[in-house]
């Protein structure tokens, strides 16, 4: 069966603290001018339609992830991972 918005869901696991990356959470690092979490959400949204149901974040930093996600984070729950 091919993936479709009706049959596919996702959880983006973004709880890496980035200790080896200078202490910046990996999902918040910028690549080509935007946070990696935005790129992940956009990719999942392309497959799942409305995007993932949740993003598992570093505990205590859900607001920071939601802010970094911007418009791509609409309708997504950011939860402690």
Protein backbone atom coordinates (compact mmCIF):
# COMPACT_ATOMS: atom_id res chain seq x y z
CA UNK A 1 0.00 0.00 0.00
CA UNK A 2 1.28 3.45 -0.87
CA UNK A 3 1.50 6.05 1.92
CA UNK A 4 -1.39 8.48 1.95
CA UNK A 5 -2.70 11.12 4.36
CA UNK A 6 -5.52 8.73 5.29
CA UNK A 7 -3.25 5.84 6.26
CA UNK A 8 -0.01 7.41 7.39
CA UNK A 9 0.92 9.09 10.67
CA UNK A 10 4.20 10.06 12.24
CA UNK A 11 5.95 11.12 15.38
CA UNK A 12 9.10 13.19 14.91
CA UNK A 13 11.64 12.25 17.56
CA UNK A 14 13.71 15.37 18.20
CA UNK A 15 14.98 14.88 21.73
CA UNK A 16 18.71 14.87 21.01
CA UNK A 17 20.44 17.33 23.31
CA UNK A 18 23.31 17.97 20.91
CA UNK A 19 26.04 17.60 23.52
CA UNK A 20 28.54 16.74 20.76
CA UNK A 21 27.25 19.64 18.66
CA UNK A 22 28.15 22.38 21.11
CA UNK A 23 25.08 21.97 23.31
CA UNK A 24 22.55 23.12 20.71
CA UNK A 25 19.72 20.59 20.26
CA UNK A 26 20.24 18.93 16.89
CA UNK A 27 16.71 19.64 15.70
CA UNK A 28 17.24 23.36 16.37
CA UNK A 29 20.47 23.56 14.35
CA UNK A 30 20.09 25.52 11.14
CA UNK A 31 20.73 24.03 7.72
CA UNK A 32 20.30 26.15 4.63
CA UNK A 33 18.80 28.95 6.73
CA UNK A 34 16.17 27.04 8.73
CA UNK A 35 15.99 24.77 11.80
CA UNK A 36 16.20 21.04 11.05
CA UNK A 37 12.88 20.53 12.86
CA UNK A 38 11.19 22.67 10.19
CA UNK A 39 12.68 20.52 7.43
CA UNK A 40 11.52 17.35 9.20
CA UNK A 41 7.99 18.70 9.68
CA UNK A 42 7.75 19.79 6.06
CA UNK A 43 8.86 16.34 4.88
CA UNK A 44 6.37 14.54 7.12
CA UNK A 45 3.59 16.93 6.07
CA UNK A 46 4.30 16.08 2.42
CA UNK A 47 3.56 12.41 3.17
CA UNK A 48 0.96 12.69 5.95
CA UNK A 49 -1.02 15.69 4.76
CA UNK A 50 -1.61 17.40 8.11
CA UNK A 51 1.85 16.52 9.40
CA UNK A 52 2.90 14.54 12.43
CA UNK A 53 0.68 14.20 15.45
CA UNK A 54 3.54 15.01 17.77
CA UNK A 55 7.18 16.03 18.04
CA UNK A 56 9.02 14.45 20.97
CA UNK A 57 11.35 17.17 22.28
CA UNK A 58 14.00 17.55 24.92
CA UNK A 59 12.12 17.63 28.25
CA UNK A 60 11.40 21.18 29.35
CA UNK A 61 12.08 22.72 25.93
CA UNK A 62 8.81 22.15 24.09
CA UNK A 63 8.03 25.87 23.79
CA UNK A 64 11.43 26.51 22.20
CA UNK A 65 10.80 23.77 19.63
CA UNK A 66 7.31 25.07 18.87
CA UNK A 67 8.65 28.56 18.37
CA UNK A 68 11.44 27.33 16.08
CA UNK A 69 8.93 25.32 14.03
CA UNK A 70 6.91 28.42 13.23
CA UNK A 71 4.15 27.91 10.67
CA UNK A 72 5.26 24.32 9.97
CA UNK A 73 4.39 23.53 13.60
CA UNK A 74 0.70 24.41 13.26
CA UNK A 75 -1.53 21.64 14.56
CA UNK A 76 1.42 19.69 15.98
CA UNK A 77 1.79 18.80 19.68
CA UNK A 78 5.26 19.34 21.06
CA UNK A 79 5.73 16.91 23.96
CA UNK A 80 8.53 15.97 26.34
CA UNK A 81 10.51 13.13 24.80
